[in-house]
Amino acid sequence: MAKQDARPIHVQIAMDLRAQIMAGTLAPGEKIPSTRALMQQYATSGTAIANAVAILKEEGWVIGQQGKGVTVRDKQMVVVGEAAYFEPAPGGYSYEILRVEECHPPKDVAHALGLEQGEQAVLRQRLMLRDGDPVELCWSYYPLSIVAGTRLTGRGKIRGGAPAILAELGFPERELIDRISSRGPTPEEVEHLNIPDGISVLRQFRVVYSDERRPVEVSVLVKPGHRYELQYHQVILED
């Protein structure tokens, strides 16, 4: 039996309009339908429409301009490419180092790194920004036995990022595996990423391997789910 959508009608309308914007049905710069038209389309009140539009404004999908009505903003979904993770980062990306410390990592991280019980890792927590807007919180963990005494244990930015240091140490990155899930944001994530109410986050659990498939880095990367996309590119080789 199909489940009925129990969310308030204004939330349902906002999510429907958001889907149309993401699909390009409502294009950047285009006016969304008038309140009267939306009232007829969704068989609801003007108050519900106003509340739905307010959600889209808070999420950054639309903007109200005097004399122009409500239009779809030009700044839409952002695809974060691989180059954004290296210093110097192109395309307006930058980083703030929030925390660098030796720690006992969470159990899933310790297991993925192959750490023995009680073995420590170095944590580097960073906030990624794009043109000043927060994009991603990242917690990267490295076995202390590998990176002790290197620049990865300091707060300074590293040209070429962690891959450059790991390669210098004889642990070049050879492979990575991402696990991706969706969940509600933690209070810390809401604060740093300015996440509106009701928005989930995309969580990547990334394990990076060196030669002989030795794990040398585990990163937990969290992005607001309403504004950022993940892109995967695979080349199919013919026989």
C-alpha atoms as a PDB file:
ATOM      1  CA  MET A   1       0.000   0.000   0.000  1.00  0.00           C
ATOM      2  CA  ALA A   2       1.400   3.390  -0.986  1.00  0.00           C
ATOM      3  CA  LYS A   3       2.366   5.681   1.895  1.00  0.00           C
ATOM      4  CA  GLN A   4       0.587   9.012   2.175  1.00  0.00           C
ATOM      5  CA  ASP A   5       2.816  12.082   2.490  1.00  0.00           C
ATOM      6  CA  ALA A   6       2.116  13.312   6.020  1.00  0.00           C
ATOM      7  CA  ARG A   7       4.279  16.427   5.777  1.00  0.00           C
ATOM      8  CA  PRO A   8       2.547  19.836   5.966  1.00  0.00           C
ATOM      9  CA  ILE A   9       1.237  20.958   2.577  1.00  0.00           C
ATOM     10  CA  HIS A  10       3.636  23.916   2.376  1.00  0.00           C
ATOM     11  CA  VAL A  11       6.592  21.565   2.827  1.00  0.00           C
ATOM     12  CA  GLN A  12       5.281  19.278   0.090  1.00  0.00           C
ATOM     13  CA  ILE A  13       4.890  22.234  -2.274  1.00  0.00           C
ATOM     14  CA  ALA A  14       8.382  23.551  -1.497  1.00  0.00           C
ATOM     15  CA  MET A  15       9.907  20.133  -2.173  1.00  0.00           C
ATOM     16  CA  ASP A  16       7.985  19.808  -5.450  1.00  0.00           C
ATOM     17  CA  LEU A  17       9.133  23.242  -6.628  1.00  0.00           C
ATOM     18  CA  ARG A  18      12.693  22.484  -5.537  1.00  0.00           C
ATOM     19  CA  ALA A  19      12.651  19.316  -7.649  1.00  0.00           C
ATOM     20  CA  GLN A  20      11.468  21.347 -10.662  1.00  0.00           C
ATOM     21  CA  ILE A  21      14.303  23.841 -10.147  1.00  0.00           C
ATOM     22  CA  MET A  22      16.913  21.080  -9.841  1.00  0.00           C
ATOM     23  CA  ALA A  23      15.583  19.440 -13.032  1.00  0.00           C
ATOM     24  CA  GLY A  24      15.712  22.749 -14.934  1.00  0.00           C
ATOM     25  CA  THR A  25      11.944  22.856 -15.452  1.00  0.00           C
ATOM     26  CA  LEU A  26      12.116  26.178 -13.625  1.00  0.00           C
ATOM     27  CA  ALA A  27      15.319  27.668 -15.034  1.00  0.00           C
ATOM     28  CA  PRO A  28      17.707  30.182 -13.427  1.00  0.00           C
ATOM     29  CA  GLY A  29      16.329  33.699 -13.791  1.00  0.00           C
ATOM     30  CA  GLU A  30      12.808  32.448 -14.499  1.00  0.00           C
ATOM     31  CA  LYS A  31       9.872  33.638 -12.418  1.00  0.00           C
ATOM     32  CA  ILE A  32       8.087  30.942 -10.484  1.00  0.00           C
ATOM     33  CA  PRO A  33       4.309  30.772 -11.027  1.00  0.00           C
ATOM     34  CA  SER A  34       2.253  33.414  -9.276  1.00  0.00           C
ATOM     35  CA  THR A  35       0.679  32.805  -5.894  1.00  0.00           C
ATOM     36  CA  ARG A  36      -2.735  32.554  -7.528  1.00  0.00           C
ATOM     37  CA  ALA A  37      -1.496  30.005 -10.053  1.00  0.00           C
ATOM     38  CA  LEU A  38       0.168  27.934  -7.353  1.00  0.00           C
ATOM     39  CA  MET A  39      -2.956  28.083  -5.193  1.00  0.00           C
ATOM     40  CA  GLN A  40      -4.942  26.627  -8.083  1.00  0.00           C
ATOM     41  CA  GLN A  41      -2.289  24.051  -8.967  1.00  0.00           C
ATOM     42  CA  TYR A  42      -1.970  22.700  -5.433  1.00  0.00           C
ATOM     43  CA  ALA A  43      -5.554  23.433  -4.300  1.00  0.00           C
ATOM     44  CA  THR A  44      -4.397  25.243  -1.184  1.00  0.00           C
ATOM     45  CA  SER A  45      -4.318  28.643   0.502  1.00  0.00           C
ATOM     46  CA  GLY A  46      -2.146  31.656  -0.132  1.00  0.00           C
ATOM     47  CA  THR A  47      -0.613  31.207   3.304  1.00  0.00           C
ATOM     48  CA  ALA A  48       0.610  27.723   2.385  1.00  0.00           C
ATOM     49  CA  ILE A  49       2.151  29.058  -0.833  1.00  0.00           C
ATOM     50  CA  ALA A  50       3.859  31.906   1.027  1.00  0.00           C
ATOM     51  CA  ASN A  51       5.298  29.439   3.539  1.00  0.00           C
ATOM     52  CA  ALA A  52       6.523  27.171   0.727  1.00  0.00           C
ATOM     53  CA  VAL A  53       8.266  30.063  -1.024  1.00  0.00           C
ATOM     54  CA  ALA A  54       9.834  31.114   2.296  1.00  0.00           C
ATOM     55  CA  ILE A  55      11.437  27.653   2.559  1.00  0.00           C
ATOM     56  CA  LEU A  56      12.924  27.999  -0.938  1.00  0.00           C
ATOM     57  CA  LYS A  57      14.254  31.456  -0.105  1.00  0.00           C
ATOM     58  CA  GLU A  58      15.918  30.176   3.068  1.00  0.00           C
ATOM     59  CA  GLU A  59      17.506  27.311   1.139  1.00  0.00           C
ATOM     60  CA  GLY A  60      18.816  29.764  -1.473  1.00  0.00           C
ATOM     61  CA  TRP A  61      16.832  28.472  -4.461  1.00  0.00           C
ATOM     62  CA  VAL A  62      14.774  31.586  -5.175  1.00  0.00           C
ATOM     63  CA  ILE A  63      15.009  35.291  -4.538  1.00  0.00           C
ATOM     64  CA  GLY A  64      12.291  37.928  -4.247  1.00  0.00           C
ATOM     65  CA  GLN A  65      12.914  41.206  -6.074  1.00  0.00           C
ATOM     66  CA  GLN A  66      10.612  44.200  -5.921  1.00  0.00           C
ATOM     67  CA  GLY A  67       8.705  44.551  -9.155  1.00  0.00           C
ATOM     68  CA  LYS A  68      10.013  41.238 -10.508  1.00  0.00           C
ATOM     69  CA  GLY A  69       8.261  38.731  -8.293  1.00  0.00           C
ATOM     70  CA  VAL A  70      10.079  35.607  -7.137  1.00  0.00           C
ATOM     71  CA  THR A  71      12.711  34.252  -9.507  1.00  0.00           C
ATOM     72  CA  VAL A  72      14.992  31.237  -9.529  1.00  0.00           C
ATOM     73  CA  ARG A  73      18.510  32.163  -8.441  1.00  0.00           C
ATOM     74  CA  ASP A  74      21.416  31.719 -10.837  1.00  0.00           C
ATOM     75  CA  LYS A  75      23.482  29.926  -8.182  1.00  0.00           C
ATOM     76  CA  GLN A  76      22.137  26.375  -8.205  1.00  0.00           C
ATOM     77  CA  MET A  77      23.619  22.921  -7.610  1.00  0.00           C
ATOM     78  CA  VAL A  78      27.391  22.893  -7.210  1.00  0.00           C
ATOM     79  CA  VAL A  79      29.407  19.883  -8.345  1.00  0.00           C
ATOM     80  CA  VAL A  80      32.545  19.576  -6.232  1.00  0.00           C
ATOM     81  CA  GLY A  81      35.323  18.210  -8.424  1.00  0.00           C
ATOM     82  CA  GLU A  82      38.517  16.447  -7.442  1.00  0.00           C
ATOM     83  CA  ALA A  83      40.723  19.529  -7.936  1.00  0.00           C
ATOM     84  CA  ALA A  84      38.922  21.326  -5.107  1.00  0.00           C
ATOM     85  CA  TYR A  85      40.671  19.081  -2.570  1.00  0.00           C
ATOM     86  CA  PHE A  86      44.206  20.185  -3.393  1.00  0.00           C
ATOM     87  CA  GLU A  87      46.131  23.329  -2.477  1.00  0.00           C
ATOM     88  CA  PRO A  88      46.105  25.735  -4.176  1.00  0.00           C
ATOM     89  CA  ALA A  89      42.446  25.029  -4.940  1.00  0.00           C
ATOM     90  CA  PRO A  90      40.940  26.504  -8.134  1.00  0.00           C
ATOM     91  CA  GLY A  91      37.444  27.860  -8.775  1.00  0.00           C
ATOM     92  CA  GLY A  92      37.081  29.980  -5.661  1.00  0.00           C
ATOM     93  CA  TYR A  93      37.576  27.118  -3.205  1.00  0.00           C
ATOM     94  CA  SER A  94      39.419  27.703   0.043  1.00  0.00           C
ATOM     95  CA  TYR A  95      39.892  25.996   3.405  1.00  0.00           C
ATOM     96  CA  GLU A  96      39.884  26.815   7.058  1.00  0.00           C
ATOM     97  CA  ILE A  97      41.759  24.459   9.372  1.00  0.00           C
ATOM     98  CA  LEU A  98      39.495  23.947  12.381  1.00  0.00           C
ATOM     99  CA  ARG A  99      41.393  21.345  14.363  1.00  0.00           C
ATOM    100  CA  VAL A 100      44.584  19.272  14.228  1.00  0.00           C
ATOM    101  CA  GLU A 101      45.199  16.760  16.999  1.00  0.00           C
ATOM    102  CA  GLU A 102      46.290  13.280  17.936  1.00  0.00           C
ATOM    103  CA  CYS A 103      43.285  11.196  18.922  1.00  0.00           C
ATOM    104  CA  HIS A 104      41.698   7.811  19.292  1.00  0.00           C
ATOM    105  CA  PRO A 105      39.471   7.809  16.193  1.00  0.00           C
ATOM    106  CA  PRO A 106      35.871   6.554  16.053  1.00  0.00           C
ATOM    107  CA  LYS A 107      35.511   2.791  15.797  1.00  0.00           C
ATOM    108  CA  ASP A 108      34.554   2.768  12.116  1.00  0.00           C
ATOM    109  CA  VAL A 109      37.590   4.898  11.257  1.00  0.00           C
ATOM    110  CA  ALA A 110      39.969   2.808  13.378  1.00  0.00           C
ATOM    111  CA  HIS A 111      38.671  -0.370  11.756  1.00  0.00           C
ATOM    112  CA  ALA A 112      39.055   1.050   8.234  1.00  0.00           C
ATOM    113  CA  LEU A 113      42.626   2.186   8.995  1.00  0.00           C
ATOM    114  CA  GLY A 114      43.481  -1.219  10.449  1.00  0.00           C
ATOM    115  CA  LEU A 115      44.571   0.306  13.770  1.00  0.00           C
ATOM    116  CA  GLU A 116      45.223  -1.890  16.766  1.00  0.00           C
ATOM    117  CA  GLN A 117      43.274  -1.228  19.950  1.00  0.00           C
ATOM    118  CA  GLY A 118      44.553   1.970  21.561  1.00  0.00           C
ATOM    119  CA  GLU A 119      46.549   3.026  18.502  1.00  0.00           C
ATOM    120  CA  GLN A 120      46.209   6.711  17.692  1.00  0.00           C
ATOM    121  CA  ALA A 121      45.642   8.711  14.543  1.00  0.00           C
ATOM    122  CA  VAL A 122      46.170  12.326  13.536  1.00  0.00           C
ATOM    123  CA  LEU A 123      42.935  14.196  12.874  1.00  0.00           C
ATOM    124  CA  ARG A 124      42.787  17.190  10.538  1.00  0.00           C
ATOM    125  CA  GLN A 125      39.373  18.853  10.527  1.00  0.00           C
ATOM    126  CA  ARG A 126      38.738  21.393   7.785  1.00  0.00           C
ATOM    127  CA  LEU A 127      35.931  23.584   6.501  1.00  0.00           C
ATOM    128  CA  MET A 128      35.770  23.962   2.736  1.00  0.00           C
ATOM    129  CA  LEU A 129      34.356  27.199   1.324  1.00  0.00           C
ATOM    130  CA  ARG A 130      33.460  28.289  -2.188  1.00  0.00           C
ATOM    131  CA  ASP A 131      33.386  32.025  -2.774  1.00  0.00           C
ATOM    132  CA  GLY A 132      33.031  32.401   0.977  1.00  0.00           C
ATOM    133  CA  ASP A 133      30.054  30.028   1.299  1.00  0.00           C
ATOM    134  CA  PRO A 134      30.522  26.886   3.443  1.00  0.00           C
ATOM    135  CA  VAL A 135      30.517  23.728   1.318  1.00  0.00           C
ATOM    136  CA  GLU A 136      31.831  20.833   3.375  1.00  0.00           C
ATOM    137  CA  LEU A 137      33.088  19.732   6.758  1.00  0.00           C
ATOM    138  CA  CYS A 138      35.869  17.175   6.551  1.00  0.00           C
ATOM    139  CA  TRP A 139      37.457  15.008   9.243  1.00  0.00           C
ATOM    140  CA  SER A 140      40.599  13.318   7.850  1.00  0.00           C
ATOM    141  CA  TYR A 141      42.454  10.688   9.890  1.00  0.00           C
ATOM    142  CA  TYR A 142      45.996   9.363   9.309  1.00  0.00           C
ATOM    143  CA  PRO A 143      47.824   6.623  11.249  1.00  0.00           C
ATOM    144  CA  LEU A 144      50.124   8.353  13.744  1.00  0.00           C
ATOM    145  CA  SER A 145      52.712   5.633  13.110  1.00  0.00           C
ATOM    146  CA  ILE A 146      53.036   6.929   9.529  1.00  0.00           C
ATOM    147  CA  VAL A 147      52.688  10.713   9.797  1.00  0.00           C
ATOM    148  CA  ALA A 148      54.264  11.537  13.186  1.00  0.00           C
ATOM    149  CA  GLY A 149      56.604  14.517  12.857  1.00  0.00           C
ATOM    150  CA  THR A 150      55.358  15.554   9.404  1.00  0.00           C
ATOM    151  CA  ARG A 151      53.471  18.653   8.296  1.00  0.00           C
ATOM    152  CA  LEU A 152      50.237  16.692   8.614  1.00  0.00           C
ATOM    153  CA  THR A 153      50.522  17.112  12.379  1.00  0.00           C
ATOM    154  CA  GLY A 154      50.638  20.930  12.119  1.00  0.00           C
ATOM    155  CA  ARG A 155      47.942  23.507  11.384  1.00  0.00           C
ATOM    156  CA  GLY A 156      49.578  24.911   8.274  1.00  0.00           C
ATOM    157  CA  LYS A 157      48.111  24.451   4.803  1.00  0.00           C
ATOM    158  CA  ILE A 158      49.995  22.003   2.610  1.00  0.00           C
ATOM    159  CA  ARG A 159      50.580  22.564  -1.091  1.00  0.00           C
ATOM    160  CA  GLY A 160      49.372  19.437  -2.847  1.00  0.00           C
ATOM    161  CA  GLY A 161      47.519  18.375   0.280  1.00  0.00           C
ATOM    162  CA  ALA A 162      47.917  15.120   2.165  1.00  0.00           C
ATOM    163  CA  PRO A 163      48.675  13.114  -1.020  1.00  0.00           C
ATOM    164  CA  ALA A 164      51.947  15.028  -1.410  1.00  0.00           C
ATOM    165  CA  ILE A 165      53.059  14.231   2.143  1.00  0.00           C
ATOM    166  CA  LEU A 166      52.021  10.592   1.930  1.00  0.00           C
ATOM    167  CA  ALA A 167      53.910  10.202  -1.351  1.00  0.00           C
ATOM    168  CA  GLU A 168      57.037  11.706   0.240  1.00  0.00           C
ATOM    169  CA  LEU A 169      56.728   9.127   3.026  1.00  0.00           C
ATOM    170  CA  GLY A 170      56.560   6.261   0.532  1.00  0.00           C
ATOM    171  CA  PHE A 171      52.791   5.790   0.679  1.00  0.00           C
ATOM    172  CA  PRO A 172      51.440   7.130  -2.624  1.00  0.00           C
ATOM    173  CA  GLU A 173      47.677   7.104  -2.978  1.00  0.00           C
ATOM    174  CA  ARG A 174      46.641   4.304  -5.338  1.00  0.00           C
ATOM    175  CA  GLU A 175      42.945   3.750  -4.749  1.00  0.00           C
ATOM    176  CA  LEU A 176      40.012   5.180  -2.830  1.00  0.00           C
ATOM    177  CA  ILE A 177      36.591   3.848  -1.988  1.00  0.00           C
ATOM    178  CA  ASP A 178      33.650   6.047  -1.018  1.00  0.00           C
ATOM    179  CA  ARG A 179      30.589   4.946   0.906  1.00  0.00           C
ATOM    180  CA  ILE A 180      27.808   7.528   0.653  1.00  0.00           C
ATOM    181  CA  SER A 181      24.821   7.898   2.931  1.00  0.00           C
ATOM    182  CA  SER A 182      22.275  10.517   3.938  1.00  0.00           C
ATOM    183  CA  ARG A 183      21.312  11.537   7.460  1.00  0.00           C
ATOM    184  CA  GLY A 184      20.192  14.507   9.520  1.00  0.00           C
ATOM    185  CA  PRO A 185      22.921  17.020  10.424  1.00  0.00           C
ATOM    186  CA  THR A 186      24.558  17.260  13.823  1.00  0.00           C
ATOM    187  CA  PRO A 187      24.461  20.604  15.689  1.00  0.00           C
ATOM    188  CA  GLU A 188      28.107  21.189  14.724  1.00  0.00           C
ATOM    189  CA  GLU A 189      27.296  20.641  11.044  1.00  0.00           C
ATOM    190  CA  VAL A 190      24.291  22.971  11.165  1.00  0.00           C
ATOM    191  CA  GLU A 191      26.467  25.689  12.711  1.00  0.00           C
ATOM    192  CA  HIS A 192      29.425  25.428  10.338  1.00  0.00           C
ATOM    193  CA  LEU A 193      27.495  24.744   7.129  1.00  0.00           C
ATOM    194  CA  ASN A 194      24.492  27.054   7.712  1.00  0.00           C
ATOM    195  CA  ILE A 195      22.061  24.217   7.022  1.00  0.00           C
ATOM    196  CA  PRO A 196      18.366  25.229   6.899  1.00  0.00           C
ATOM    197  CA  ASP A 197      15.769  23.327   8.923  1.00  0.00           C
ATOM    198  CA  GLY A 198      14.676  20.025   7.431  1.00  0.00           C
ATOM    199  CA  ILE A 199      17.751  19.532   5.214  1.00  0.00           C
ATOM    200  CA  SER A 200      19.740  16.311   5.334  1.00  0.00           C
ATOM    201  CA  VAL A 201      23.464  15.996   4.681  1.00  0.00           C
ATOM    202  CA  LEU A 202      25.424  13.794   2.313  1.00  0.00           C
ATOM    203  CA  ARG A 203      28.049  11.814   4.214  1.00  0.00           C
ATOM    204  CA  GLN A 204      31.013  10.293   2.397  1.00  0.00           C
ATOM    205  CA  PHE A 205      33.122   7.752   4.227  1.00  0.00           C
ATOM    206  CA  ARG A 206      36.313   7.628   2.174  1.00  0.00           C
ATOM    207  CA  VAL A 207      39.138   5.132   2.585  1.00  0.00           C
ATOM    208  CA  VAL A 208      42.365   5.839   0.699  1.00  0.00           C
ATOM    209  CA  TYR A 209      44.780   2.974   0.012  1.00  0.00           C
ATOM    210  CA  SER A 210      48.464   2.916  -0.903  1.00  0.00           C
ATOM    211  CA  ASP A 211      50.569   0.079  -2.301  1.00  0.00           C
ATOM    212  CA  GLU A 212      49.596  -3.447  -1.281  1.00  0.00           C
ATOM    213  CA  ARG A 213      46.211  -1.915  -0.431  1.00  0.00           C
ATOM    214  CA  ARG A 214      47.418  -0.452   2.829  1.00  0.00           C
ATOM    215  CA  PRO A 215      44.899   2.092   4.194  1.00  0.00           C
ATOM    216  CA  VAL A 216      46.646   5.424   4.821  1.00  0.00           C
ATOM    217  CA  GLU A 217      43.747   7.866   5.186  1.00  0.00           C
ATOM    218  CA  VAL A 218      40.100   7.826   6.190  1.00  0.00           C
ATOM    219  CA  SER A 219      38.016  10.940   5.634  1.00  0.00           C
ATOM    220  CA  VAL A 220      34.460  11.708   6.648  1.00  0.00           C
ATOM    221  CA  LEU A 221      33.114  14.432   4.347  1.00  0.00           C
ATOM    222  CA  VAL A 222      29.757  16.072   5.032  1.00  0.00           C
ATOM    223  CA  LYS A 223      27.914  18.392   2.620  1.00  0.00           C
ATOM    224  CA  PRO A 224      24.430  19.959   2.770  1.00  0.00           C
ATOM    225  CA  GLY A 225      22.246  17.732   0.616  1.00  0.00           C
ATOM    226  CA  HIS A 226      20.213  20.495  -1.031  1.00  0.00           C
ATOM    227  CA  ARG A 227      22.986  22.439  -2.764  1.00  0.00           C
ATOM    228  CA  TYR A 228      25.856  20.089  -3.571  1.00  0.00           C
ATOM    229  CA  GLU A 229      26.222  17.090  -5.852  1.00  0.00           C
ATOM    230  CA  LEU A 230      28.735  14.269  -6.104  1.00  0.00           C
ATOM    231  CA  GLN A 231      29.988  13.353  -9.564  1.00  0.00           C
ATOM    232  CA  TYR A 232      31.561  10.067 -10.606  1.00  0.00           C
ATOM    233  CA  HIS A 233      33.345   9.600 -13.905  1.00  0.00           C
ATOM    234  CA  GLN A 234      34.137   6.154 -15.251  1.00  0.00           C
ATOM    235  CA  VAL A 235      35.903   5.392 -18.491  1.00  0.00           C
ATOM    236  CA  ILE A 236      34.781   2.137 -20.130  1.00  0.00           C
ATOM    237  CA  LEU A 237      37.639   0.539 -22.031  1.00  0.00           C
ATOM    238  CA  GLU A 238      36.758  -1.538 -25.052  1.00  0.00           C
ATOM    239  CA  ASP A 239      38.134  -5.048 -25.360  1.00  0.00           C
END
